[in-house]
Amino acid sequence: MWQAVKQLAEGGTTVLLTTQYLDEAEQLADRIAILHHGRIIVNGTLAELKALLPPAKVEYVEKQPSLEDVFLAVVGDTGEHDKHGAADKGSQDAKTSPSKR
């Protein structure tokens, strides 16, 4: 269906599309009108609408490690098996090392 909408618009036909999916509007629309409580509160191109916002800023967010992060850091697991098919080095060492008594 979206391909048909694109073809109509490329052929010069005006298409009025209503959607609640903003990613669809970004992809399909030349101009966008934002309605709120039944009234158009702003309209323009995507670039014009984005220009209404203040410039983006970079913020530092401290991320606490999850238990999965700790596990992967401790075992050094990259998700790949070694040449013997063992999931981790510890299990392979247990198979090949003489037991300690």
PDB file of N, CA and C in Angstrom:
ATOM      1  N   MET A   1       0.809  -1.183   0.000  1.00  0.00           N
ATOM      2  CA  MET A   1       0.000   0.000   0.000  1.00  0.00           C
ATOM      3  C   MET A   1       0.864   1.263   0.000  1.00  0.00           C
ATOM      4  N   TRP A   2       1.962   1.257   0.794  1.00  0.00           N
ATOM      5  CA  TRP A   2       2.799   2.458   0.873  1.00  0.00           C
ATOM      6  C   TRP A   2       3.467   2.755  -0.459  1.00  0.00           C
ATOM      7  N   GLN A   3       3.784   1.723  -1.208  1.00  0.00           N
ATOM      8  CA  GLN A   3       4.373   1.940  -2.544  1.00  0.00           C
ATOM      9  C   GLN A   3       3.369   2.651  -3.445  1.00  0.00           C
ATOM     10  N   ALA A   4       2.098   2.301  -3.358  1.00  0.00           N
ATOM     11  CA  ALA A   4       1.062   2.953  -4.158  1.00  0.00           C
ATOM     12  C   ALA A   4       0.932   4.423  -3.771  1.00  0.00           C
ATOM     13  N   VAL A   5       1.011   4.716  -2.481  1.00  0.00           N
ATOM     14  CA  VAL A   5       0.953   6.106  -2.016  1.00  0.00           C
ATOM     15  C   VAL A   5       2.138   6.890  -2.569  1.00  0.00           C
ATOM     16  N   LYS A   6       3.331   6.300  -2.514  1.00  0.00           N
ATOM     17  CA  LYS A   6       4.531   6.964  -3.042  1.00  0.00           C
ATOM     18  C   LYS A   6       4.398   7.228  -4.541  1.00  0.00           C
ATOM     19  N   GLN A   7       3.884   6.243  -5.281  1.00  0.00           N
ATOM     20  CA  GLN A   7       3.732   6.406  -6.736  1.00  0.00           C
ATOM     21  C   GLN A   7       2.737   7.514  -7.071  1.00  0.00           C
ATOM     22  N   LEU A   8       1.636   7.578  -6.349  1.00  0.00           N
ATOM     23  CA  LEU A   8       0.657   8.639  -6.573  1.00  0.00           C
ATOM     24  C   LEU A   8       1.281  10.012  -6.320  1.00  0.00           C
ATOM     25  N   ALA A   9       2.001  10.134  -5.207  1.00  0.00           N
ATOM     26  CA  ALA A   9       2.618  11.415  -4.855  1.00  0.00           C
ATOM     27  C   ALA A   9       3.689  11.803  -5.874  1.00  0.00           C
ATOM     28  N   GLU A  10       4.485  10.835  -6.322  1.00  0.00           N
ATOM     29  CA  GLU A  10       5.523  11.115  -7.319  1.00  0.00           C
ATOM     30  C   GLU A  10       4.914  11.530  -8.647  1.00  0.00           C
ATOM     31  N   GLY A  11       3.692  11.062  -8.936  1.00  0.00           N
ATOM     32  CA  GLY A  11       2.996  11.413 -10.172  1.00  0.00           C
ATOM     33  C   GLY A  11       2.284  12.751 -10.103  1.00  0.00           C
ATOM     34  N   GLY A  12       2.386  13.443  -8.968  1.00  0.00           N
ATOM     35  CA  GLY A  12       1.785  14.763  -8.848  1.00  0.00           C
ATOM     36  C   GLY A  12       0.438  14.798  -8.165  1.00  0.00           C
ATOM     37  N   THR A  13      -0.060  13.658  -7.750  1.00  0.00           N
ATOM     38  CA  THR A  13      -1.342  13.597  -7.064  1.00  0.00           C
ATOM     39  C   THR A  13      -1.162  13.993  -5.602  1.00  0.00           C
ATOM     40  N   THR A  14      -2.045  14.841  -5.109  1.00  0.00           N
ATOM     41  CA  THR A  14      -2.022  15.184  -3.688  1.00  0.00           C
ATOM     42  C   THR A  14      -2.669  14.046  -2.918  1.00  0.00           C
ATOM     43  N   VAL A  15      -1.971  13.543  -1.918  1.00  0.00           N
ATOM     44  CA  VAL A  15      -2.477  12.445  -1.098  1.00  0.00           C
ATOM     45  C   VAL A  15      -2.606  12.953   0.329  1.00  0.00           C
ATOM     46  N   LEU A  16      -3.787  12.838   0.895  1.00  0.00           N
ATOM     47  CA  LEU A  16      -3.999  13.186   2.291  1.00  0.00           C
ATOM     48  C   LEU A  16      -3.995  11.886   3.077  1.00  0.00           C
ATOM     49  N   LEU A  17      -3.026  11.747   3.921  1.00  0.00           N
ATOM     50  CA  LEU A  17      -2.838  10.513   4.688  1.00  0.00           C
ATOM     51  C   LEU A  17      -2.907  10.850   6.166  1.00  0.00           C
ATOM     52  N   THR A  18      -3.711  10.108   6.900  1.00  0.00           N
ATOM     53  CA  THR A  18      -3.736  10.286   8.351  1.00  0.00           C
ATOM     54  C   THR A  18      -3.118   9.059   8.983  1.00  0.00           C
ATOM     55  N   THR A  19      -2.296   9.272   9.979  1.00  0.00           N
ATOM     56  CA  THR A  19      -1.645   8.159  10.656  1.00  0.00           C
ATOM     57  C   THR A  19      -1.276   8.559  12.070  1.00  0.00           C
ATOM     58  N   GLN A  20      -1.228   7.589  12.939  1.00  0.00           N
ATOM     59  CA  GLN A  20      -0.711   7.797  14.290  1.00  0.00           C
ATOM     60  C   GLN A  20       0.724   7.315  14.373  1.00  0.00           C
ATOM     61  N   TYR A  21       1.224   6.699  13.306  1.00  0.00           N
ATOM     62  CA  TYR A  21       2.587   6.188  13.270  1.00  0.00           C
ATOM     63  C   TYR A  21       3.493   7.259  12.674  1.00  0.00           C
ATOM     64  N   LEU A  22       4.207   7.950  13.535  1.00  0.00           N
ATOM     65  CA  LEU A  22       4.992   9.102  13.097  1.00  0.00           C
ATOM     66  C   LEU A  22       6.128   8.709  12.161  1.00  0.00           C
ATOM     67  N   ASP A  23       6.649   7.484  12.291  1.00  0.00           N
ATOM     68  CA  ASP A  23       7.702   7.050  11.368  1.00  0.00           C
ATOM     69  C   ASP A  23       7.167   6.938   9.943  1.00  0.00           C
ATOM     70  N   GLU A  24       5.897   6.572   9.791  1.00  0.00           N
ATOM     71  CA  GLU A  24       5.279   6.544   8.453  1.00  0.00           C
ATOM     72  C   GLU A  24       5.206   7.944   7.878  1.00  0.00           C
ATOM     73  N   ALA A  25       4.800   8.897   8.686  1.00  0.00           N
ATOM     74  CA  ALA A  25       4.708  10.278   8.226  1.00  0.00           C
ATOM     75  C   ALA A  25       6.086  10.794   7.801  1.00  0.00           C
ATOM     76  N   GLU A  26       7.109  10.467   8.571  1.00  0.00           N
ATOM     77  CA  GLU A  26       8.470  10.898   8.224  1.00  0.00           C
ATOM     78  C   GLU A  26       8.898  10.348   6.872  1.00  0.00           C
ATOM     79  N   GLN A  27       8.547   9.109   6.584  1.00  0.00           N
ATOM     80  CA  GLN A  27       8.978   8.453   5.350  1.00  0.00           C
ATOM     81  C   GLN A  27       8.164   8.876   4.133  1.00  0.00           C
ATOM     82  N   LEU A  28       6.874   9.132   4.329  1.00  0.00           N
ATOM     83  CA  LEU A  28       5.974   9.307   3.184  1.00  0.00           C
ATOM     84  C   LEU A  28       5.614  10.749   2.861  1.00  0.00           C
ATOM     85  N   ALA A  29       5.654  11.623   3.837  1.00  0.00           N
ATOM     86  CA  ALA A  29       5.059  12.945   3.650  1.00  0.00           C
ATOM     87  C   ALA A  29       6.056  14.003   3.192  1.00  0.00           C
ATOM     88  N   ASP A  30       5.602  14.832   2.249  1.00  0.00           N
ATOM     89  CA  ASP A  30       6.362  16.031   1.882  1.00  0.00           C
ATOM     90  C   ASP A  30       6.092  17.133   2.899  1.00  0.00           C
ATOM     91  N   ARG A  31       4.852  17.209   3.351  1.00  0.00           N
ATOM     92  CA  ARG A  31       4.451  18.185   4.357  1.00  0.00           C
ATOM     93  C   ARG A  31       3.664  17.438   5.431  1.00  0.00           C
ATOM     94  N   ILE A  32       3.783  17.915   6.654  1.00  0.00           N
ATOM     95  CA  ILE A  32       3.143  17.250   7.785  1.00  0.00           C
ATOM     96  C   ILE A  32       2.365  18.291   8.578  1.00  0.00           C
ATOM     97  N   ALA A  33       1.133  17.942   8.945  1.00  0.00           N
ATOM     98  CA  ALA A  33       0.335  18.777   9.845  1.00  0.00           C
ATOM     99  C   ALA A  33       0.127  17.983  11.123  1.00  0.00           C
ATOM    100  N   ILE A  34       0.370  18.630  12.245  1.00  0.00           N
ATOM    101  CA  ILE A  34       0.167  17.975  13.536  1.00  0.00           C
ATOM    102  C   ILE A  34      -1.131  18.500  14.128  1.00  0.00           C
ATOM    103  N   LEU A  35      -2.047  17.559  14.393  1.00  0.00           N
ATOM    104  CA  LEU A  35      -3.341  17.894  14.971  1.00  0.00           C
ATOM    105  C   LEU A  35      -3.326  17.573  16.458  1.00  0.00           C
ATOM    106  N   HIS A  36      -3.960  18.434  17.226  1.00  0.00           N
ATOM    107  CA  HIS A  36      -4.097  18.209  18.668  1.00  0.00           C
ATOM    108  C   HIS A  36      -5.475  18.698  19.076  1.00  0.00           C
ATOM    109  N   HIS A  37      -6.249  17.818  19.658  1.00  0.00           N
ATOM    110  CA  HIS A  37      -7.635  18.125  20.041  1.00  0.00           C
ATOM    111  C   HIS A  37      -8.436  18.659  18.855  1.00  0.00           C
ATOM    112  N   GLY A  38      -8.234  18.061  17.685  1.00  0.00           N
ATOM    113  CA  GLY A  38      -9.028  18.397  16.513  1.00  0.00           C
ATOM    114  C   GLY A  38      -8.604  19.648  15.762  1.00  0.00           C
ATOM    115  N   ARG A  39      -7.490  20.269  16.130  1.00  0.00           N
ATOM    116  CA  ARG A  39      -7.018  21.474  15.455  1.00  0.00           C
ATOM    117  C   ARG A  39      -5.587  21.292  14.973  1.00  0.00           C
ATOM    118  N   ILE A  40      -5.300  21.842  13.806  1.00  0.00           N
ATOM    119  CA  ILE A  40      -3.920  21.833  13.320  1.00  0.00           C
ATOM    120  C   ILE A  40      -3.156  22.866  14.143  1.00  0.00           C
ATOM    121  N   ILE A  41      -2.132  22.396  14.859  1.00  0.00           N
ATOM    122  CA  ILE A  41      -1.365  23.320  15.692  1.00  0.00           C
ATOM    123  C   ILE A  41      -0.055  23.738  15.029  1.00  0.00           C
ATOM    124  N   VAL A  42       0.415  22.955  14.073  1.00  0.00           N
ATOM    125  CA  VAL A  42       1.626  23.304  13.330  1.00  0.00           C
ATOM    126  C   VAL A  42       1.657  22.465  12.068  1.00  0.00           C
ATOM    127  N   ASN A  43       2.250  23.021  11.000  1.00  0.00           N
ATOM    128  CA  ASN A  43       2.429  22.227   9.787  1.00  0.00           C
ATOM    129  C   ASN A  43       3.657  22.732   9.051  1.00  0.00           C
ATOM    130  N   GLY A  44       4.227  21.847   8.245  1.00  0.00           N
ATOM    131  CA  GLY A  44       5.412  22.195   7.465  1.00  0.00           C
ATOM    132  C   GLY A  44       6.118  20.944   6.999  1.00  0.00           C
ATOM    133  N   THR A  45       7.300  21.125   6.437  1.00  0.00           N
ATOM    134  CA  THR A  45       8.105  19.970   6.044  1.00  0.00           C
ATOM    135  C   THR A  45       8.719  19.374   7.305  1.00  0.00           C
ATOM    136  N   LEU A  46       9.253  18.192   7.184  1.00  0.00           N
ATOM    137  CA  LEU A  46       9.900  17.558   8.329  1.00  0.00           C
ATOM    138  C   LEU A  46      11.041  18.439   8.839  1.00  0.00           C
ATOM    139  N   ALA A  47      11.830  18.991   7.935  1.00  0.00           N
ATOM    140  CA  ALA A  47      12.945  19.854   8.337  1.00  0.00           C
ATOM    141  C   ALA A  47      12.438  21.105   9.066  1.00  0.00           C
ATOM    142  N   GLU A  48      11.353  21.683   8.576  1.00  0.00           N
ATOM    143  CA  GLU A  48      10.785  22.870   9.223  1.00  0.00           C
ATOM    144  C   GLU A  48      10.282  22.540  10.630  1.00  0.00           C
ATOM    145  N   LEU A  49       9.652  21.391  10.787  1.00  0.00           N
ATOM    146  CA  LEU A  49       9.141  20.995  12.093  1.00  0.00           C
ATOM    147  C   LEU A  49      10.283  20.688  13.061  1.00  0.00           C
ATOM    148  N   LYS A  50      11.317  20.036  12.570  1.00  0.00           N
ATOM    149  CA  LYS A  50      12.467  19.745  13.430  1.00  0.00           C
ATOM    150  C   LYS A  50      13.173  21.028  13.859  1.00  0.00           C
ATOM    151  N   ALA A  51      13.149  22.048  13.007  1.00  0.00           N
ATOM    152  CA  ALA A  51      13.806  23.318  13.326  1.00  0.00           C
ATOM    153  C   ALA A  51      13.093  24.051  14.467  1.00  0.00           C
ATOM    154  N   LEU A  52      11.870  23.653  14.802  1.00  0.00           N
ATOM    155  CA  LEU A  52      11.154  24.265  15.913  1.00  0.00           C
ATOM    156  C   LEU A  52      11.731  23.878  17.263  1.00  0.00           C
ATOM    157  N   LEU A  53      12.478  22.789  17.299  1.00  0.00           N
ATOM    158  CA  LEU A  53      13.062  22.299  18.548  1.00  0.00           C
ATOM    159  C   LEU A  53      14.423  22.941  18.780  1.00  0.00           C
ATOM    160  N   PRO A  54      14.831  23.029  20.037  1.00  0.00           N
ATOM    161  CA  PRO A  54      16.190  23.519  20.300  1.00  0.00           C
ATOM    162  C   PRO A  54      17.206  22.514  19.761  1.00  0.00           C
ATOM    163  N   PRO A  55      18.436  22.965  19.503  1.00  0.00           N
ATOM    164  CA  PRO A  55      19.447  22.036  18.991  1.00  0.00           C
ATOM    165  C   PRO A  55      19.646  20.860  19.953  1.00  0.00           C
ATOM    166  N   ALA A  56      19.981  19.735  19.378  1.00  0.00           N
ATOM    167  CA  ALA A  56      20.221  18.540  20.192  1.00  0.00           C
ATOM    168  C   ALA A  56      21.437  18.766  21.074  1.00  0.00           C
ATOM    169  N   LYS A  57      21.398  18.196  22.276  1.00  0.00           N
ATOM    170  CA  LYS A  57      22.543  18.297  23.153  1.00  0.00           C
ATOM    171  C   LYS A  57      22.951  16.905  23.599  1.00  0.00           C
ATOM    172  N   VAL A  58      24.211  16.765  23.879  1.00  0.00           N
ATOM    173  CA  VAL A  58      24.744  15.486  24.327  1.00  0.00           C
ATOM    174  C   VAL A  58      24.753  15.494  25.847  1.00  0.00           C
ATOM    175  N   GLU A  59      24.204  14.454  26.421  1.00  0.00           N
ATOM    176  CA  GLU A  59      24.178  14.342  27.870  1.00  0.00           C
ATOM    177  C   GLU A  59      24.878  13.065  28.286  1.00  0.00           C
ATOM    178  N   TYR A  60      25.573  13.119  29.398  1.00  0.00           N
ATOM    179  CA  TYR A  60      26.236  11.955  29.964  1.00  0.00           C
ATOM    180  C   TYR A  60      25.232  11.215  30.841  1.00  0.00           C
ATOM    181  N   VAL A  61      25.065   9.931  30.572  1.00  0.00           N
ATOM    182  CA  VAL A  61      24.179   9.107  31.377  1.00  0.00           C
ATOM    183  C   VAL A  61      25.011   7.969  31.940  1.00  0.00           C
ATOM    184  N   GLU A  62      25.063   7.864  33.256  1.00  0.00           N
ATOM    185  CA  GLU A  62      25.821   6.795  33.886  1.00  0.00           C
ATOM    186  C   GLU A  62      25.005   5.517  33.824  1.00  0.00           C
ATOM    187  N   LYS A  63      25.606   4.482  33.251  1.00  0.00           N
ATOM    188  CA  LYS A  63      24.917   3.202  33.120  1.00  0.00           C
ATOM    189  C   LYS A  63      25.528   2.226  34.113  1.00  0.00           C
ATOM    190  N   GLN A  64      24.706   1.747  35.016  1.00  0.00           N
ATOM    191  CA  GLN A  64      25.164   0.747  35.972  1.00  0.00           C
ATOM    192  C   GLN A  64      25.203  -0.606  35.265  1.00  0.00           C
ATOM    193  N   PRO A  65      26.243  -1.398  35.502  1.00  0.00           N
ATOM    194  CA  PRO A  65      26.313  -2.699  34.829  1.00  0.00           C
ATOM    195  C   PRO A  65      25.222  -3.638  35.331  1.00  0.00           C
ATOM    196  N   SER A  66      24.723  -4.436  34.403  1.00  0.00           N
ATOM    197  CA  SER A  66      23.751  -5.463  34.770  1.00  0.00           C
ATOM    198  C   SER A  66      24.507  -6.715  35.196  1.00  0.00           C
ATOM    199  N   LEU A  67      23.807  -7.675  35.743  1.00  0.00           N
ATOM    200  CA  LEU A  67      24.428  -8.940  36.103  1.00  0.00           C
ATOM    201  C   LEU A  67      24.991  -9.620  34.863  1.00  0.00           C
ATOM    202  N   GLU A  68      24.302  -9.480  33.723  1.00  0.00           N
ATOM    203  CA  GLU A  68      24.815 -10.042  32.473  1.00  0.00           C
ATOM    204  C   GLU A  68      26.141  -9.394  32.088  1.00  0.00           C
ATOM    205  N   ASP A  69      26.259  -8.077  32.247  1.00  0.00           N
ATOM    206  CA  ASP A  69      27.515  -7.383  31.963  1.00  0.00           C
ATOM    207  C   ASP A  69      28.641  -7.931  32.842  1.00  0.00           C
ATOM    208  N   VAL A  70      28.350  -8.132  34.134  1.00  0.00           N
ATOM    209  CA  VAL A  70      29.356  -8.664  35.058  1.00  0.00           C
ATOM    210  C   VAL A  70      29.759 -10.072  34.633  1.00  0.00           C
ATOM    211  N   PHE A  71      28.780 -10.911  34.342  1.00  0.00           N
ATOM    212  CA  PHE A  71      29.053 -12.286  33.931  1.00  0.00           C
ATOM    213  C   PHE A  71      29.965 -12.324  32.700  1.00  0.00           C
ATOM    214  N   LEU A  72      29.613 -11.551  31.669  1.00  0.00           N
ATOM    215  CA  LEU A  72      30.403 -11.568  30.441  1.00  0.00           C
ATOM    216  C   LEU A  72      31.807 -11.022  30.665  1.00  0.00           C
ATOM    217  N   ALA A  73      31.950 -10.032  31.531  1.00  0.00           N
ATOM    218  CA  ALA A  73      33.271  -9.488  31.827  1.00  0.00           C
ATOM    219  C   ALA A  73      34.120 -10.505  32.586  1.00  0.00           C
ATOM    220  N   VAL A  74      33.506 -11.248  33.501  1.00  0.00           N
ATOM    221  CA  VAL A  74      34.244 -12.210  34.317  1.00  0.00           C
ATOM    222  C   VAL A  74      34.656 -13.427  33.503  1.00  0.00           C
ATOM    223  N   VAL A  75      33.773 -13.951  32.687  1.00  0.00           N
ATOM    224  CA  VAL A  75      34.098 -15.164  31.938  1.00  0.00           C
ATOM    225  C   VAL A  75      34.788 -14.859  30.620  1.00  0.00           C
ATOM    226  N   GLY A  76      34.739 -13.598  30.185  1.00  0.00           N
ATOM    227  CA  GLY A  76      35.380 -13.231  28.925  1.00  0.00           C
ATOM    228  C   GLY A  76      34.728 -13.879  27.725  1.00  0.00           C
ATOM    229  N   ASP A  77      33.450 -14.199  27.831  1.00  0.00           N
ATOM    230  CA  ASP A  77      32.738 -14.890  26.760  1.00  0.00           C
ATOM    231  C   ASP A  77      32.384 -13.920  25.645  1.00  0.00           C
ATOM    232  N   THR A  78      32.781 -14.271  24.429  1.00  0.00           N
ATOM    233  CA  THR A  78      32.431 -13.461  23.261  1.00  0.00           C
ATOM    234  C   THR A  78      31.255 -14.067  22.519  1.00  0.00           C
ATOM    235  N   GLY A  79      30.715 -15.172  23.036  1.00  0.00           N
ATOM    236  CA  GLY A  79      29.606 -15.821  22.363  1.00  0.00           C
ATOM    237  C   GLY A  79      30.072 -16.860  21.356  1.00  0.00           C
ATOM    238  N   GLU A  80      31.393 -17.006  21.176  1.00  0.00           N
ATOM    239  CA  GLU A  80      31.937 -17.978  20.228  1.00  0.00           C
ATOM    240  C   GLU A  80      32.477 -19.181  20.999  1.00  0.00           C
ATOM    241  N   HIS A  81      32.334 -20.343  20.412  1.00  0.00           N
ATOM    242  CA  HIS A  81      32.873 -21.560  21.010  1.00  0.00           C
ATOM    243  C   HIS A  81      34.316 -21.740  20.569  1.00  0.00           C
ATOM    244  N   ASP A  82      35.112 -22.373  21.441  1.00  0.00           N
ATOM    245  CA  ASP A  82      36.495 -22.636  21.034  1.00  0.00           C
ATOM    246  C   ASP A  82      36.530 -23.804  20.051  1.00  0.00           C
ATOM    247  N   LYS A  83      37.712 -24.160  19.581  1.00  0.00           N
ATOM    248  CA  LYS A  83      37.829 -25.177  18.533  1.00  0.00           C
ATOM    249  C   LYS A  83      37.357 -26.555  18.979  1.00  0.00           C
ATOM    250  N   HIS A  84      37.243 -26.779  20.287  1.00  0.00           N
ATOM    251  CA  HIS A  84      36.776 -28.065  20.789  1.00  0.00           C
ATOM    252  C   HIS A  84      35.275 -28.071  21.028  1.00  0.00           C
ATOM    253  N   GLY A  85      34.629 -26.947  20.751  1.00  0.00           N
ATOM    254  CA  GLY A  85      33.189 -26.870  20.923  1.00  0.00           C
ATOM    255  C   GLY A  85      32.766 -26.524  22.329  1.00  0.00           C
ATOM    256  N   ALA A  86      33.727 -26.224  23.213  1.00  0.00           N
ATOM    257  CA  ALA A  86      33.376 -25.865  24.582  1.00  0.00           C
ATOM    258  C   ALA A  86      32.875 -24.426  24.602  1.00  0.00           C
ATOM    259  N   ALA A  87      31.904 -24.190  25.438  1.00  0.00           N
ATOM    260  CA  ALA A  87      31.338 -22.852  25.512  1.00  0.00           C
ATOM    261  C   ALA A  87      32.257 -21.896  26.237  1.00  0.00           C
ATOM    262  N   ASP A  88      33.087 -22.418  27.147  1.00  0.00           N
ATOM    263  CA  ASP A  88      34.019 -21.528  27.833  1.00  0.00           C
ATOM    264  C   ASP A  88      35.317 -22.267  28.133  1.00  0.00           C
ATOM    265  N   LYS A  89      36.364 -21.511  28.418  1.00  0.00           N
ATOM    266  CA  LYS A  89      37.682 -22.088  28.658  1.00  0.00           C
ATOM    267  C   LYS A  89      37.689 -22.952  29.903  1.00  0.00           C
ATOM    268  N   GLY A  90      36.942 -22.552  30.932  1.00  0.00           N
ATOM    269  CA  GLY A  90      36.926 -23.300  32.179  1.00  0.00           C
ATOM    270  C   GLY A  90      36.464 -24.729  32.000  1.00  0.00           C
ATOM    271  N   SER A  91      35.448 -24.974  31.202  1.00  0.00           N
ATOM    272  CA  SER A  91      34.948 -26.330  31.018  1.00  0.00           C
ATOM    273  C   SER A  91      35.955 -27.169  30.238  1.00  0.00           C
ATOM    274  N   GLN A  92      36.684 -26.574  29.303  1.00  0.00           N
ATOM    275  CA  GLN A  92      37.697 -27.294  28.547  1.00  0.00           C
ATOM    276  C   GLN A  92      38.878 -27.639  29.447  1.00  0.00           C
ATOM    277  N   ASP A  93      39.292 -26.698  30.310  1.00  0.00           N
ATOM    278  CA  ASP A  93      40.397 -26.956  31.222  1.00  0.00           C
ATOM    279  C   ASP A  93      40.055 -28.100  32.164  1.00  0.00           C
ATOM    280  N   ALA A  94      38.829 -28.180  32.617  1.00  0.00           N
ATOM    281  CA  ALA A  94      38.414 -29.232  33.523  1.00  0.00           C
ATOM    282  C   ALA A  94      38.501 -30.596  32.858  1.00  0.00           C
ATOM    283  N   LYS A  95      38.297 -30.663  31.537  1.00  0.00           N
ATOM    284  CA  LYS A  95      38.361 -31.924  30.817  1.00  0.00           C
ATOM    285  C   LYS A  95      39.807 -32.369  30.588  1.00  0.00           C
ATOM    286  N   THR A  96      40.730 -31.415  30.396  1.00  0.00           N
ATOM    287  CA  THR A  96      42.086 -31.776  29.998  1.00  0.00           C
ATOM    288  C   THR A  96      43.089 -31.698  31.134  1.00  0.00           C
ATOM    289  N   SER A  97      42.776 -31.032  32.228  1.00  0.00           N
ATOM    290  CA  SER A  97      43.727 -30.889  33.332  1.00  0.00           C
ATOM    291  C   SER A  97      43.593 -32.065  34.270  1.00  0.00           C
ATOM    292  N   PRO A  98      44.748 -32.547  34.798  1.00  0.00           N
ATOM    293  CA  PRO A  98      44.654 -33.607  35.793  1.00  0.00           C
ATOM    294  C   PRO A  98      43.981 -33.047  37.051  1.00  0.00           C
ATOM    295  N   SER A  99      43.234 -33.897  37.710  1.00  0.00           N
ATOM    296  CA  SER A  99      42.533 -33.421  38.908  1.00  0.00           C
ATOM    297  C   SER A  99      43.525 -33.179  40.023  1.00  0.00           C
ATOM    298  N   LYS A 100      43.227 -32.200  40.831  1.00  0.00           N
ATOM    299  CA  LYS A 100      44.091 -31.851  41.978  1.00  0.00           C
ATOM    300  C   LYS A 100      43.565 -32.594  43.180  1.00  0.00           C
ATOM    301  N   ARG A 101      44.478 -33.245  43.913  1.00  0.00           N
ATOM    302  CA  ARG A 101      44.061 -34.022  45.098  1.00  0.00           C
ATOM    303  C   ARG A 101      44.690 -33.503  46.323  1.00  0.00           C
TER     304      ARG A 101
END
